[in-house]
């Protein structure tokens, strides 16, 4: 029947609807504590429901097509959204959305290419799209933090940077410490997560496999791959963003771009 898919979908939404009881408790507590978050909580849950439902139908369509073009299109869409979001975080970086988008594209594309070439994952929608989503999402967070922290650190230490430039240092040499600090701060949560994975909480990919009936050993193997690719893509994307930010922070005369560091 034409509407069988809708019937199955509605039946499957019974448990998610039951889980709304937890949100109702949160909304009630917000009201009692006068936090004013009731409508925002309700809107957030409604938006999440709509977004996840739509993406579920889109993924179902792509999986049924089994076409490489849809894989690339879905991946590029995720990169565009991630670049826009990371650029919003680093809003004082000129052309920050483009810098973030290119950085995320470079870091995640290299990572995914290596995984496919090494035959860790087959190049099929069922594998590549979910894995790409994890990689792009993580790279988005790290890249946004790197760009914002780099710009803020240079602004706080403008005198030090300008002194180094006056003594003949290149922009890269003058801001080397700020670059290192921004990268360390941005990558630390990813590394800390890798150090404690499995000890504090079970990651999403591993949990999903176990709940889906896979053995814990199989789930662990996949999670190790996931952690490796998250660290690799995040490192590549964040370093790339620093290289792309340098020309935007300095003039051709090797002076700090005043307009970049004037905004609060």
C-alpha atoms as a PDB file:
ATOM      1  CA  UNK A   1       0.000   0.000   0.000  1.00  0.00           C
ATOM      2  CA  UNK A   2       1.072   3.564  -0.699  1.00  0.00           C
ATOM      3  CA  UNK A   3       0.575   4.717   2.898  1.00  0.00           C
ATOM      4  CA  UNK A   4       2.154   1.704   4.596  1.00  0.00           C
ATOM      5  CA  UNK A   5       5.350   3.646   5.253  1.00  0.00           C
ATOM      6  CA  UNK A   6       3.398   6.366   7.073  1.00  0.00           C
ATOM      7  CA  UNK A   7       1.568   3.804   9.210  1.00  0.00           C
ATOM      8  CA  UNK A   8       4.836   2.148  10.181  1.00  0.00           C
ATOM      9  CA  UNK A   9       6.378   5.525  10.959  1.00  0.00           C
ATOM     10  CA  UNK A  10       3.505   6.546  13.227  1.00  0.00           C
ATOM     11  CA  UNK A  11       3.639   3.206  15.044  1.00  0.00           C
ATOM     12  CA  UNK A  12       7.346   3.681  15.615  1.00  0.00           C
ATOM     13  CA  UNK A  13       6.774   7.126  17.130  1.00  0.00           C
ATOM     14  CA  UNK A  14       4.887   5.703  20.132  1.00  0.00           C
ATOM     15  CA  UNK A  15       8.050   5.253  22.204  1.00  0.00           C
ATOM     16  CA  UNK A  16       9.518   8.671  21.311  1.00  0.00           C
ATOM     17  CA  UNK A  17       6.178  10.216  22.258  1.00  0.00           C
ATOM     18  CA  UNK A  18       6.264   8.402  25.601  1.00  0.00           C
ATOM     19  CA  UNK A  19       9.756   9.815  26.203  1.00  0.00           C
ATOM     20  CA  UNK A  20       8.222  13.296  26.105  1.00  0.00           C
ATOM     21  CA  UNK A  21       7.261  12.693  29.738  1.00  0.00           C
ATOM     22  CA  UNK A  22      10.820  13.591  30.696  1.00  0.00           C
ATOM     23  CA  UNK A  23      10.552  16.886  28.809  1.00  0.00           C
ATOM     24  CA  UNK A  24       7.241  17.661  30.501  1.00  0.00           C
ATOM     25  CA  UNK A  25       8.984  17.292  33.858  1.00  0.00           C
ATOM     26  CA  UNK A  26      11.759  19.648  32.692  1.00  0.00           C
ATOM     27  CA  UNK A  27       9.202  22.216  31.507  1.00  0.00           C
ATOM     28  CA  UNK A  28       7.327  21.971  34.802  1.00  0.00           C
ATOM     29  CA  UNK A  29      10.536  22.530  36.771  1.00  0.00           C
ATOM     30  CA  UNK A  30      11.404  25.503  34.573  1.00  0.00           C
ATOM     31  CA  UNK A  31       7.982  26.995  35.302  1.00  0.00           C
ATOM     32  CA  UNK A  32       8.227  26.397  39.050  1.00  0.00           C
ATOM     33  CA  UNK A  33      11.714  27.903  39.182  1.00  0.00           C
ATOM     34  CA  UNK A  34      10.618  30.809  36.946  1.00  0.00           C
ATOM     35  CA  UNK A  35      13.454  30.195  34.497  1.00  0.00           C
ATOM     36  CA  UNK A  36      11.389  31.295  31.523  1.00  0.00           C
ATOM     37  CA  UNK A  37      12.620  28.407  29.374  1.00  0.00           C
ATOM     38  CA  UNK A  38       9.307  26.615  28.900  1.00  0.00           C
ATOM     39  CA  UNK A  39       8.597  27.816  25.355  1.00  0.00           C
ATOM     40  CA  UNK A  40      12.218  27.409  24.308  1.00  0.00           C
ATOM     41  CA  UNK A  41      12.238  23.818  25.566  1.00  0.00           C
ATOM     42  CA  UNK A  42       8.993  23.045  23.760  1.00  0.00           C
ATOM     43  CA  UNK A  43      10.219  24.700  20.562  1.00  0.00           C
ATOM     44  CA  UNK A  44      13.552  22.883  20.723  1.00  0.00           C
ATOM     45  CA  UNK A  45      11.866  19.492  21.058  1.00  0.00           C
ATOM     46  CA  UNK A  46       9.413  20.268  18.270  1.00  0.00           C
ATOM     47  CA  UNK A  47      12.213  21.452  15.982  1.00  0.00           C
ATOM     48  CA  UNK A  48      14.291  18.369  16.766  1.00  0.00           C
ATOM     49  CA  UNK A  49      11.290  16.161  15.960  1.00  0.00           C
ATOM     50  CA  UNK A  50      10.714  17.867  12.605  1.00  0.00           C
ATOM     51  CA  UNK A  51      14.400  17.901  11.628  1.00  0.00           C
ATOM     52  CA  UNK A  52      15.012  14.281  12.559  1.00  0.00           C
ATOM     53  CA  UNK A  53      11.813  13.128  10.867  1.00  0.00           C
ATOM     54  CA  UNK A  54      12.696  14.934   7.644  1.00  0.00           C
ATOM     55  CA  UNK A  55      16.277  13.682   7.633  1.00  0.00           C
ATOM     56  CA  UNK A  56      15.002  10.176   8.313  1.00  0.00           C
ATOM     57  CA  UNK A  57      12.848  10.228   5.181  1.00  0.00           C
ATOM     58  CA  UNK A  58      15.669  11.820   3.167  1.00  0.00           C
ATOM     59  CA  UNK A  59      18.144   9.141   4.268  1.00  0.00           C
ATOM     60  CA  UNK A  60      15.637   6.408   3.501  1.00  0.00           C
ATOM     61  CA  UNK A  61      15.295   7.824  -0.012  1.00  0.00           C
ATOM     62  CA  UNK A  62      19.079   8.056  -0.493  1.00  0.00           C
ATOM     63  CA  UNK A  63      19.653   4.525   0.812  1.00  0.00           C
ATOM     64  CA  UNK A  64      17.109   3.173  -1.656  1.00  0.00           C
ATOM     65  CA  UNK A  65      18.796   4.996  -4.572  1.00  0.00           C
ATOM     66  CA  UNK A  66      22.285   3.607  -3.817  1.00  0.00           C
ATOM     67  CA  UNK A  67      23.823   6.327  -5.994  1.00  0.00           C
ATOM     68  CA  UNK A  68      27.254   7.891  -5.352  1.00  0.00           C
ATOM     69  CA  UNK A  69      25.957  11.301  -6.412  1.00  0.00           C
ATOM     70  CA  UNK A  70      23.528  11.399  -3.502  1.00  0.00           C
ATOM     71  CA  UNK A  71      26.355  10.546  -1.098  1.00  0.00           C
ATOM     72  CA  UNK A  72      28.443  13.477  -2.318  1.00  0.00           C
ATOM     73  CA  UNK A  73      25.445  15.829  -2.272  1.00  0.00           C
ATOM     74  CA  UNK A  74      24.528  14.879   1.300  1.00  0.00           C
ATOM     75  CA  UNK A  75      28.145  15.290   2.393  1.00  0.00           C
ATOM     76  CA  UNK A  76      28.468  18.732   0.802  1.00  0.00           C
ATOM     77  CA  UNK A  77      25.208  19.831   2.407  1.00  0.00           C
ATOM     78  CA  UNK A  78      26.540  18.841   5.852  1.00  0.00           C
ATOM     79  CA  UNK A  79      29.804  20.697   5.186  1.00  0.00           C
ATOM     80  CA  UNK A  80      27.941  23.854   4.135  1.00  0.00           C
ATOM     81  CA  UNK A  81      25.788  23.840   7.278  1.00  0.00           C
ATOM     82  CA  UNK A  82      28.842  23.117   9.433  1.00  0.00           C
ATOM     83  CA  UNK A  83      30.844  25.912   7.799  1.00  0.00           C
ATOM     84  CA  UNK A  84      28.025  28.384   8.368  1.00  0.00           C
ATOM     85  CA  UNK A  85      27.645  27.347  12.009  1.00  0.00           C
ATOM     86  CA  UNK A  86      31.380  27.472  12.760  1.00  0.00           C
ATOM     87  CA  UNK A  87      31.621  30.826  10.988  1.00  0.00           C
ATOM     88  CA  UNK A  88      28.850  32.174  13.199  1.00  0.00           C
ATOM     89  CA  UNK A  89      30.900  31.254  16.266  1.00  0.00           C
ATOM     90  CA  UNK A  90      33.932  33.079  14.845  1.00  0.00           C
ATOM     91  CA  UNK A  91      31.841  35.993  13.618  1.00  0.00           C
ATOM     92  CA  UNK A  92      34.674  38.552  13.893  1.00  0.00           C
ATOM     93  CA  UNK A  93      36.901  36.607  11.510  1.00  0.00           C
ATOM     94  CA  UNK A  94      36.542  38.086   7.996  1.00  0.00           C
ATOM     95  CA  UNK A  95      34.805  35.665   5.652  1.00  0.00           C
ATOM     96  CA  UNK A  96      34.729  33.269   8.583  1.00  0.00           C
ATOM     97  CA  UNK A  97      32.005  31.084   7.107  1.00  0.00           C
ATOM     98  CA  UNK A  98      34.067  30.446   3.971  1.00  0.00           C
ATOM     99  CA  UNK A  99      37.238  29.826   5.974  1.00  0.00           C
ATOM    100  CA  UNK A 100      35.419  27.374   8.221  1.00  0.00           C
ATOM    101  CA  UNK A 101      33.702  25.653   5.313  1.00  0.00           C
ATOM    102  CA  UNK A 102      36.916  25.163   3.337  1.00  0.00           C
ATOM    103  CA  UNK A 103      38.768  23.962   6.442  1.00  0.00           C
ATOM    104  CA  UNK A 104      36.058  21.468   7.361  1.00  0.00           C
ATOM    105  CA  UNK A 105      35.823  20.271   3.757  1.00  0.00           C
ATOM    106  CA  UNK A 106      39.572  19.712   3.522  1.00  0.00           C
ATOM    107  CA  UNK A 107      39.939  17.953   6.873  1.00  0.00           C
ATOM    108  CA  UNK A 108      36.927  15.683   6.554  1.00  0.00           C
ATOM    109  CA  UNK A 109      37.416  14.898   2.866  1.00  0.00           C
ATOM    110  CA  UNK A 110      40.997  13.726   3.449  1.00  0.00           C
ATOM    111  CA  UNK A 111      39.877  11.638   6.422  1.00  0.00           C
ATOM    112  CA  UNK A 112      36.969  10.013   4.578  1.00  0.00           C
ATOM    113  CA  UNK A 113      39.107   9.407   1.474  1.00  0.00           C
ATOM    114  CA  UNK A 114      41.720   7.576   3.538  1.00  0.00           C
ATOM    115  CA  UNK A 115      39.069   5.423   5.239  1.00  0.00           C
ATOM    116  CA  UNK A 116      37.552   4.445   1.903  1.00  0.00           C
ATOM    117  CA  UNK A 117      40.943   3.768   0.263  1.00  0.00           C
ATOM    118  CA  UNK A 118      42.002   1.623   3.222  1.00  0.00           C
ATOM    119  CA  UNK A 119      38.649  -0.207   2.930  1.00  0.00           C
ATOM    120  CA  UNK A 120      37.680   0.594   6.510  1.00  0.00           C
ATOM    121  CA  UNK A 121      34.218   1.551   5.213  1.00  0.00           C
ATOM    122  CA  UNK A 122      32.604   0.689   1.879  1.00  0.00           C
ATOM    123  CA  UNK A 123      31.567   3.643  -0.272  1.00  0.00           C
ATOM    124  CA  UNK A 124      27.834   3.182   0.237  1.00  0.00           C
ATOM    125  CA  UNK A 125      25.220   5.609   1.625  1.00  0.00           C
ATOM    126  CA  UNK A 126      24.489   3.430   4.648  1.00  0.00           C
ATOM    127  CA  UNK A 127      28.083   3.762   5.860  1.00  0.00           C
ATOM    128  CA  UNK A 128      29.465   7.005   4.435  1.00  0.00           C
ATOM    129  CA  UNK A 129      26.614   9.392   5.296  1.00  0.00           C
ATOM    130  CA  UNK A 130      26.356   8.562   9.041  1.00  0.00           C
ATOM    131  CA  UNK A 131      30.149   8.467   9.396  1.00  0.00           C
ATOM    132  CA  UNK A 132      30.496  11.769   7.523  1.00  0.00           C
ATOM    133  CA  UNK A 133      27.938  13.325   9.844  1.00  0.00           C
ATOM    134  CA  UNK A 134      29.994  12.417  12.913  1.00  0.00           C
ATOM    135  CA  UNK A 135      33.242  13.614  11.361  1.00  0.00           C
ATOM    136  CA  UNK A 136      31.821  16.892  10.025  1.00  0.00           C
ATOM    137  CA  UNK A 137      29.995  17.689  13.268  1.00  0.00           C
ATOM    138  CA  UNK A 138      33.117  17.220  15.356  1.00  0.00           C
ATOM    139  CA  UNK A 139      35.297  19.191  12.923  1.00  0.00           C
ATOM    140  CA  UNK A 140      32.727  22.001  12.961  1.00  0.00           C
ATOM    141  CA  UNK A 141      33.018  22.443  16.734  1.00  0.00           C
ATOM    142  CA  UNK A 142      36.810  22.322  16.803  1.00  0.00           C
ATOM    143  CA  UNK A 143      37.231  24.653  13.824  1.00  0.00           C
ATOM    144  CA  UNK A 144      34.850  27.255  15.219  1.00  0.00           C
ATOM    145  CA  UNK A 145      36.639  27.298  18.572  1.00  0.00           C
ATOM    146  CA  UNK A 146      40.067  27.499  16.910  1.00  0.00           C
ATOM    147  CA  UNK A 147      39.154  30.486  14.759  1.00  0.00           C
ATOM    148  CA  UNK A 148      37.473  32.384  17.581  1.00  0.00           C
ATOM    149  CA  UNK A 149      40.253  31.702  20.092  1.00  0.00           C
ATOM    150  CA  UNK A 150      42.983  32.659  17.615  1.00  0.00           C
ATOM    151  CA  UNK A 151      41.411  35.997  16.826  1.00  0.00           C
ATOM    152  CA  UNK A 152      40.679  36.758  20.491  1.00  0.00           C
ATOM    153  CA  UNK A 153      44.215  35.854  21.607  1.00  0.00           C
ATOM    154  CA  UNK A 154      45.826  38.031  18.951  1.00  0.00           C
ATOM    155  CA  UNK A 155      43.592  40.909  19.980  1.00  0.00           C
ATOM    156  CA  UNK A 156      44.558  40.522  23.642  1.00  0.00           C
ATOM    157  CA  UNK A 157      48.257  40.427  22.747  1.00  0.00           C
ATOM    158  CA  UNK A 158      48.319  42.958  19.922  1.00  0.00           C
ATOM    159  CA  UNK A 159      51.252  44.843  21.434  1.00  0.00           C
ATOM    160  CA  UNK A 160      53.338  41.665  21.625  1.00  0.00           C
ATOM    161  CA  UNK A 161      52.484  40.711  18.049  1.00  0.00           C
ATOM    162  CA  UNK A 162      53.172  44.206  16.701  1.00  0.00           C
ATOM    163  CA  UNK A 163      56.532  44.285  18.491  1.00  0.00           C
ATOM    164  CA  UNK A 164      57.513  40.984  16.891  1.00  0.00           C
ATOM    165  CA  UNK A 165      56.476  42.305  13.479  1.00  0.00           C
ATOM    166  CA  UNK A 166      58.518  45.480  14.018  1.00  0.00           C
ATOM    167  CA  UNK A 167      61.569  43.348  14.778  1.00  0.00           C
ATOM    168  CA  UNK A 168      61.219  41.602  11.421  1.00  0.00           C
ATOM    169  CA  UNK A 169      59.097  38.566  12.256  1.00  0.00           C
ATOM    170  CA  UNK A 170      56.663  37.230   9.688  1.00  0.00           C
ATOM    171  CA  UNK A 171      52.959  37.062  10.591  1.00  0.00           C
ATOM    172  CA  UNK A 172      53.324  33.350  11.169  1.00  0.00           C
ATOM    173  CA  UNK A 173      56.304  33.790  13.484  1.00  0.00           C
ATOM    174  CA  UNK A 174      54.648  36.672  15.343  1.00  0.00           C
ATOM    175  CA  UNK A 175      51.498  34.677  16.112  1.00  0.00           C
ATOM    176  CA  UNK A 176      52.975  31.219  16.565  1.00  0.00           C
ATOM    177  CA  UNK A 177      52.205  31.063  20.287  1.00  0.00           C
ATOM    178  CA  UNK A 178      48.614  32.235  19.759  1.00  0.00           C
ATOM    179  CA  UNK A 179      48.113  29.603  17.075  1.00  0.00           C
ATOM    180  CA  UNK A 180      49.457  26.853  19.294  1.00  0.00           C
ATOM    181  CA  UNK A 181      47.269  27.952  22.197  1.00  0.00           C
ATOM    182  CA  UNK A 182      44.104  28.078  20.085  1.00  0.00           C
ATOM    183  CA  UNK A 183      44.771  24.627  18.649  1.00  0.00           C
ATOM    184  CA  UNK A 184      45.498  23.093  22.039  1.00  0.00           C
ATOM    185  CA  UNK A 185      42.337  24.555  23.577  1.00  0.00           C
ATOM    186  CA  UNK A 186      40.159  23.486  20.630  1.00  0.00           C
ATOM    187  CA  UNK A 187      41.543  19.941  20.402  1.00  0.00           C
ATOM    188  CA  UNK A 188      41.727  19.228  24.151  1.00  0.00           C
ATOM    189  CA  UNK A 189      38.048  18.156  24.500  1.00  0.00           C
ATOM    190  CA  UNK A 190      38.444  15.699  21.605  1.00  0.00           C
ATOM    191  CA  UNK A 191      41.571  14.201  23.138  1.00  0.00           C
ATOM    192  CA  UNK A 192      40.034  14.084  26.625  1.00  0.00           C
ATOM    193  CA  UNK A 193      37.019  12.292  25.190  1.00  0.00           C
ATOM    194  CA  UNK A 194      39.312   9.710  23.574  1.00  0.00           C
ATOM    195  CA  UNK A 195      41.138   9.174  26.873  1.00  0.00           C
ATOM    196  CA  UNK A 196      37.934   8.512  28.826  1.00  0.00           C
ATOM    197  CA  UNK A 197      35.815   6.768  26.173  1.00  0.00           C
ATOM    198  CA  UNK A 198      34.140   3.705  27.628  1.00  0.00           C
ATOM    199  CA  UNK A 199      35.116   4.616  31.198  1.00  0.00           C
ATOM    200  CA  UNK A 200      32.621   7.408  31.874  1.00  0.00           C
ATOM    201  CA  UNK A 201      29.993   6.846  29.190  1.00  0.00           C
ATOM    202  CA  UNK A 202      29.434   4.693  26.119  1.00  0.00           C
ATOM    203  CA  UNK A 203      29.667   6.718  22.882  1.00  0.00           C
ATOM    204  CA  UNK A 204      26.680   7.041  20.589  1.00  0.00           C
ATOM    205  CA  UNK A 205      27.938   4.797  17.789  1.00  0.00           C
ATOM    206  CA  UNK A 206      28.828   2.022  20.211  1.00  0.00           C
ATOM    207  CA  UNK A 207      25.546   2.358  22.107  1.00  0.00           C
ATOM    208  CA  UNK A 208      23.531   2.242  18.880  1.00  0.00           C
ATOM    209  CA  UNK A 209      25.208  -0.934  17.723  1.00  0.00           C
ATOM    210  CA  UNK A 210      24.734  -2.683  21.060  1.00  0.00           C
ATOM    211  CA  UNK A 211      21.063  -1.676  21.223  1.00  0.00           C
ATOM    212  CA  UNK A 212      20.690  -2.851  17.626  1.00  0.00           C
ATOM    213  CA  UNK A 213      21.843  -6.342  18.567  1.00  0.00           C
ATOM    214  CA  UNK A 214      25.547  -6.235  17.667  1.00  0.00           C
ATOM    215  CA  UNK A 215      28.045  -7.829  20.017  1.00  0.00           C
ATOM    216  CA  UNK A 216      29.998  -5.490  22.339  1.00  0.00           C
ATOM    217  CA  UNK A 217      33.241  -6.545  20.653  1.00  0.00           C
ATOM    218  CA  UNK A 218      31.963  -5.487  17.224  1.00  0.00           C
ATOM    219  CA  UNK A 219      30.731  -2.211  18.709  1.00  0.00           C
ATOM    220  CA  UNK A 220      34.141  -1.556  20.265  1.00  0.00           C
ATOM    221  CA  UNK A 221      35.892  -2.103  16.933  1.00  0.00           C
ATOM    222  CA  UNK A 222      33.686   0.452  15.211  1.00  0.00           C
ATOM    223  CA  UNK A 223      34.066   2.937  18.055  1.00  0.00           C
ATOM    224  CA  UNK A 224      37.861   2.741  17.825  1.00  0.00           C
ATOM    225  CA  UNK A 225      37.601   3.615  14.133  1.00  0.00           C
ATOM    226  CA  UNK A 226      35.251   6.499  14.971  1.00  0.00           C
ATOM    227  CA  UNK A 227      37.597   7.961  17.594  1.00  0.00           C
ATOM    228  CA  UNK A 228      40.537   7.737  15.191  1.00  0.00           C
ATOM    229  CA  UNK A 229      38.738   9.553  12.408  1.00  0.00           C
ATOM    230  CA  UNK A 230      37.350  12.221  14.754  1.00  0.00           C
ATOM    231  CA  UNK A 231      40.825  13.101  15.996  1.00  0.00           C
ATOM    232  CA  UNK A 232      42.284  13.063  12.480  1.00  0.00           C
ATOM    233  CA  UNK A 233      39.587  15.217  10.872  1.00  0.00           C
ATOM    234  CA  UNK A 234      39.468  17.689  13.783  1.00  0.00           C
ATOM    235  CA  UNK A 235      43.248  18.176  13.703  1.00  0.00           C
ATOM    236  CA  UNK A 236      43.390  18.654   9.941  1.00  0.00           C
ATOM    237  CA  UNK A 237      40.436  21.077   9.883  1.00  0.00           C
ATOM    238  CA  UNK A 238      41.631  23.196  12.803  1.00  0.00           C
ATOM    239  CA  UNK A 239      45.197  23.535  11.471  1.00  0.00           C
ATOM    240  CA  UNK A 240      43.864  24.390   8.023  1.00  0.00           C
ATOM    241  CA  UNK A 241      41.692  27.155   9.526  1.00  0.00           C
ATOM    242  CA  UNK A 242      44.729  28.814  11.135  1.00  0.00           C
ATOM    243  CA  UNK A 243      46.561  28.910   7.800  1.00  0.00           C
ATOM    244  CA  UNK A 244      43.526  30.443   6.105  1.00  0.00           C
ATOM    245  CA  UNK A 245      43.057  33.006   8.904  1.00  0.00           C
ATOM    246  CA  UNK A 246      46.596  34.422   8.703  1.00  0.00           C
ATOM    247  CA  UNK A 247      46.110  36.396   5.442  1.00  0.00           C
ATOM    248  CA  UNK A 248      42.867  37.837   6.816  1.00  0.00           C
ATOM    249  CA  UNK A 249      44.467  39.101  10.026  1.00  0.00           C
ATOM    250  CA  UNK A 250      47.343  40.991   8.369  1.00  0.00           C
ATOM    251  CA  UNK A 251      47.779  43.540   5.606  1.00  0.00           C
ATOM    252  CA  UNK A 252      50.155  43.058   2.692  1.00  0.00           C
ATOM    253  CA  UNK A 253      52.624  45.243   4.588  1.00  0.00           C
ATOM    254  CA  UNK A 254      52.697  42.666   7.428  1.00  0.00           C
ATOM    255  CA  UNK A 255      50.665  44.827   9.795  1.00  0.00           C
ATOM    256  CA  UNK A 256      47.673  43.778  11.853  1.00  0.00           C
ATOM    257  CA  UNK A 257      44.366  44.463  10.102  1.00  0.00           C
ATOM    258  CA  UNK A 258      42.866  47.101  12.406  1.00  0.00           C
ATOM    259  CA  UNK A 259      39.257  46.502  11.331  1.00  0.00           C
ATOM    260  CA  UNK A 260      39.448  42.821  12.307  1.00  0.00           C
ATOM    261  CA  UNK A 261      40.507  43.526  15.871  1.00  0.00           C
ATOM    262  CA  UNK A 262      38.467  46.684  16.461  1.00  0.00           C
ATOM    263  CA  UNK A 263      35.120  44.874  16.874  1.00  0.00           C
ATOM    264  CA  UNK A 264      34.165  43.480  20.260  1.00  0.00           C
END
